[in-house]
Amino acid sequence: MRAVIGLCRRLRSVAEVSALLKMPLGVVRVLLGDLADQGRIRVYGIGYGGCRPDRALLERVLSGLSGL
């Protein structure tokens, strides 16, 4: 948990924390949730808040991935 808190001194995504710590994404999500519940970190931008992602953006990403 100390390592997670250290990384979270600056704004990072859950995926970034997971990659930097070389820990499974699910484990990091649980740790971050526990730390947030304890008030030791702040969580910003959780999900889309009911909004759907931009379709054009998703199509461009799909097209780019298909080109690989």
N, C-alpha and C. Protein backbone atom coordinates (compact mmCIF):
# COMPACT_ATOMS: atom_id res chain seq x y z
N MET A 1 0.83 -1.19 0.00
CA MET A 1 0.00 0.00 0.00
C MET A 1 0.87 1.25 0.00
N ARG A 2 2.02 1.18 0.66
CA ARG A 2 2.93 2.32 0.68
C ARG A 2 3.39 2.68 -0.73
N ALA A 3 3.68 1.67 -1.53
CA ALA A 3 4.12 1.90 -2.91
C ALA A 3 3.00 2.53 -3.73
N VAL A 4 1.77 2.09 -3.52
CA VAL A 4 0.63 2.66 -4.23
C VAL A 4 0.47 4.12 -3.86
N ILE A 5 0.52 4.42 -2.58
CA ILE A 5 0.39 5.81 -2.13
C ILE A 5 1.50 6.67 -2.71
N GLY A 6 2.71 6.13 -2.74
CA GLY A 6 3.83 6.87 -3.31
C GLY A 6 3.61 7.22 -4.77
N LEU A 7 3.08 6.27 -5.52
CA LEU A 7 2.82 6.53 -6.94
C LEU A 7 1.67 7.51 -7.13
N CYS A 8 0.75 7.52 -6.19
CA CYS A 8 -0.44 8.35 -6.32
C CYS A 8 -0.23 9.78 -5.83
N ARG A 9 1.00 10.14 -5.56
CA ARG A 9 1.28 11.52 -5.18
C ARG A 9 1.02 12.46 -6.37
N ARG A 10 1.05 11.88 -7.58
CA ARG A 10 0.64 12.63 -8.76
C ARG A 10 -0.48 11.85 -9.43
N LEU A 11 -1.26 12.53 -10.23
CA LEU A 11 -2.42 11.93 -10.87
C LEU A 11 -1.98 10.82 -11.83
N ARG A 12 -2.52 9.61 -11.63
CA ARG A 12 -2.21 8.47 -12.47
C ARG A 12 -3.46 7.64 -12.68
N SER A 13 -3.50 6.92 -13.79
CA SER A 13 -4.61 6.00 -14.02
C SER A 13 -4.37 4.71 -13.25
N VAL A 14 -5.43 3.95 -13.07
CA VAL A 14 -5.32 2.66 -12.40
C VAL A 14 -4.39 1.75 -13.21
N ALA A 15 -4.52 1.78 -14.52
CA ALA A 15 -3.68 0.96 -15.39
C ALA A 15 -2.20 1.33 -15.24
N GLU A 16 -1.92 2.62 -15.12
CA GLU A 16 -0.54 3.07 -14.97
C GLU A 16 0.05 2.58 -13.64
N VAL A 17 -0.72 2.71 -12.57
CA VAL A 17 -0.25 2.22 -11.26
C VAL A 17 0.01 0.72 -11.33
N SER A 18 -0.91 -0.01 -11.96
CA SER A 18 -0.77 -1.45 -12.11
C SER A 18 0.51 -1.80 -12.87
N ALA A 19 0.75 -1.11 -13.97
CA ALA A 19 1.94 -1.39 -14.78
C ALA A 19 3.22 -1.05 -14.04
N LEU A 20 3.25 0.09 -13.38
CA LEU A 20 4.46 0.51 -12.67
C LEU A 20 4.80 -0.42 -11.51
N LEU A 21 3.78 -0.95 -10.86
CA LEU A 21 4.01 -1.87 -9.74
C LEU A 21 4.11 -3.32 -10.18
N LYS A 22 3.85 -3.57 -11.48
CA LYS A 22 3.86 -4.93 -12.01
C LYS A 22 2.92 -5.84 -11.20
N MET A 23 1.71 -5.30 -10.95
CA MET A 23 0.69 -6.02 -10.21
C MET A 23 -0.55 -6.14 -11.09
N PRO A 24 -1.35 -7.19 -10.90
CA PRO A 24 -2.57 -7.33 -11.68
C PRO A 24 -3.52 -6.14 -11.48
N LEU A 25 -4.19 -5.75 -12.54
CA LEU A 25 -5.10 -4.62 -12.51
C LEU A 25 -6.17 -4.77 -11.43
N GLY A 26 -6.74 -5.95 -11.31
CA GLY A 26 -7.78 -6.18 -10.30
C GLY A 26 -7.29 -5.96 -8.88
N VAL A 27 -6.07 -6.39 -8.61
CA VAL A 27 -5.48 -6.22 -7.28
C VAL A 27 -5.29 -4.74 -6.98
N VAL A 28 -4.79 -4.00 -7.97
CA VAL A 28 -4.57 -2.56 -7.78
C VAL A 28 -5.90 -1.84 -7.60
N ARG A 29 -6.92 -2.24 -8.32
CA ARG A 29 -8.24 -1.62 -8.15
C ARG A 29 -8.75 -1.80 -6.72
N VAL A 30 -8.57 -2.98 -6.18
CA VAL A 30 -9.00 -3.25 -4.79
C VAL A 30 -8.19 -2.40 -3.81
N LEU A 31 -6.88 -2.36 -3.99
CA LEU A 31 -6.03 -1.55 -3.11
C LEU A 31 -6.42 -0.07 -3.17
N LEU A 32 -6.62 0.44 -4.38
CA LEU A 32 -7.01 1.85 -4.53
C LEU A 32 -8.37 2.11 -3.90
N GLY A 33 -9.28 1.18 -4.05
CA GLY A 33 -10.60 1.33 -3.43
C GLY A 33 -10.51 1.38 -1.92
N ASP A 34 -9.70 0.49 -1.35
CA ASP A 34 -9.50 0.48 0.10
C ASP A 34 -8.86 1.78 0.59
N LEU A 35 -7.84 2.25 -0.14
CA LEU A 35 -7.17 3.50 0.25
C LEU A 35 -8.12 4.69 0.12
N ALA A 36 -8.95 4.69 -0.89
CA ALA A 36 -9.92 5.77 -1.06
C ALA A 36 -10.95 5.75 0.07
N ASP A 37 -11.41 4.55 0.44
CA ASP A 37 -12.36 4.42 1.55
C ASP A 37 -11.77 4.91 2.86
N GLN A 38 -10.46 4.74 3.03
CA GLN A 38 -9.78 5.20 4.24
C GLN A 38 -9.43 6.68 4.18
N GLY A 39 -9.67 7.32 3.04
CA GLY A 39 -9.36 8.73 2.89
C GLY A 39 -7.88 9.01 2.67
N ARG A 40 -7.13 7.99 2.29
CA ARG A 40 -5.68 8.16 2.10
C ARG A 40 -5.31 8.61 0.69
N ILE A 41 -6.23 8.40 -0.26
CA ILE A 41 -6.04 8.92 -1.62
C ILE A 41 -7.38 9.46 -2.10
N ARG A 42 -7.32 10.28 -3.13
CA ARG A 42 -8.54 10.77 -3.79
C ARG A 42 -8.64 10.12 -5.15
N VAL A 43 -9.86 9.77 -5.52
CA VAL A 43 -10.10 9.14 -6.82
C VAL A 43 -10.88 10.12 -7.68
N TYR A 44 -10.39 10.35 -8.89
CA TYR A 44 -11.04 11.27 -9.83
C TYR A 44 -11.46 10.52 -11.08
N GLY A 45 -12.55 10.98 -11.68
CA GLY A 45 -12.96 10.47 -12.98
C GLY A 45 -13.20 8.98 -13.03
N ILE A 46 -14.08 8.50 -12.17
CA ILE A 46 -14.36 7.07 -12.18
C ILE A 46 -15.45 6.78 -13.21
N GLY A 47 -15.05 6.21 -14.31
CA GLY A 47 -16.00 5.84 -15.35
C GLY A 47 -16.46 7.01 -16.19
N TYR A 48 -17.54 6.80 -16.90
CA TYR A 48 -18.08 7.81 -17.81
C TYR A 48 -19.22 8.60 -17.20
N GLY A 49 -19.60 8.32 -15.97
CA GLY A 49 -20.67 9.06 -15.33
C GLY A 49 -21.99 8.98 -16.08
N GLY A 50 -22.26 7.84 -16.72
CA GLY A 50 -23.51 7.67 -17.44
C GLY A 50 -23.41 8.09 -18.89
N CYS A 51 -22.36 8.76 -19.28
CA CYS A 51 -22.17 9.17 -20.67
C CYS A 51 -21.51 8.04 -21.44
N ARG A 52 -21.82 7.98 -22.71
CA ARG A 52 -21.19 6.98 -23.57
C ARG A 52 -19.96 7.58 -24.23
N PRO A 53 -18.94 6.75 -24.49
CA PRO A 53 -17.75 7.26 -25.17
C PRO A 53 -18.09 7.68 -26.60
N ASP A 54 -17.30 8.57 -27.15
CA ASP A 54 -17.51 9.08 -28.50
C ASP A 54 -17.33 7.96 -29.52
N ARG A 55 -18.35 7.71 -30.32
CA ARG A 55 -18.32 6.63 -31.30
C ARG A 55 -17.22 6.84 -32.34
N ALA A 56 -17.04 8.07 -32.80
CA ALA A 56 -16.02 8.36 -33.81
C ALA A 56 -14.63 8.03 -33.27
N LEU A 57 -14.38 8.36 -32.01
CA LEU A 57 -13.10 8.04 -31.40
C LEU A 57 -12.89 6.53 -31.34
N LEU A 58 -13.92 5.80 -30.92
CA LEU A 58 -13.81 4.35 -30.84
C LEU A 58 -13.56 3.73 -32.22
N GLU A 59 -14.20 4.28 -33.24
CA GLU A 59 -13.99 3.77 -34.60
C GLU A 59 -12.57 4.04 -35.08
N ARG A 60 -12.01 5.20 -34.74
CA ARG A 60 -10.63 5.49 -35.11
C ARG A 60 -9.65 4.56 -34.39
N VAL A 61 -9.93 4.29 -33.13
CA VAL A 61 -9.08 3.36 -32.37
C VAL A 61 -9.15 1.97 -33.00
N LEU A 62 -10.35 1.53 -33.31
CA LEU A 62 -10.53 0.20 -33.93
C LEU A 62 -9.80 0.13 -35.27
N SER A 63 -9.92 1.17 -36.05
CA SER A 63 -9.25 1.22 -37.35
C SER A 63 -7.73 1.16 -37.16
N GLY A 64 -7.21 1.91 -36.20
CA GLY A 64 -5.78 1.89 -35.93
C GLY A 64 -5.30 0.53 -35.47
N LEU A 65 -6.07 -0.12 -34.63
CA LEU A 65 -5.70 -1.46 -34.14
C LEU A 65 -5.75 -2.48 -35.27
N SER A 66 -6.72 -2.32 -36.14
CA SER A 66 -6.84 -3.25 -37.28
C SER A 66 -5.65 -3.12 -38.22
N GLY A 67 -5.06 -1.93 -38.26
CA GLY A 67 -3.92 -1.68 -39.13
C GLY A 67 -2.61 -2.23 -38.60
N LEU A 68 -2.61 -2.69 -37.36
CA LEU A 68 -1.35 -3.20 -36.78
C LEU A 68 -1.00 -4.58 -37.28
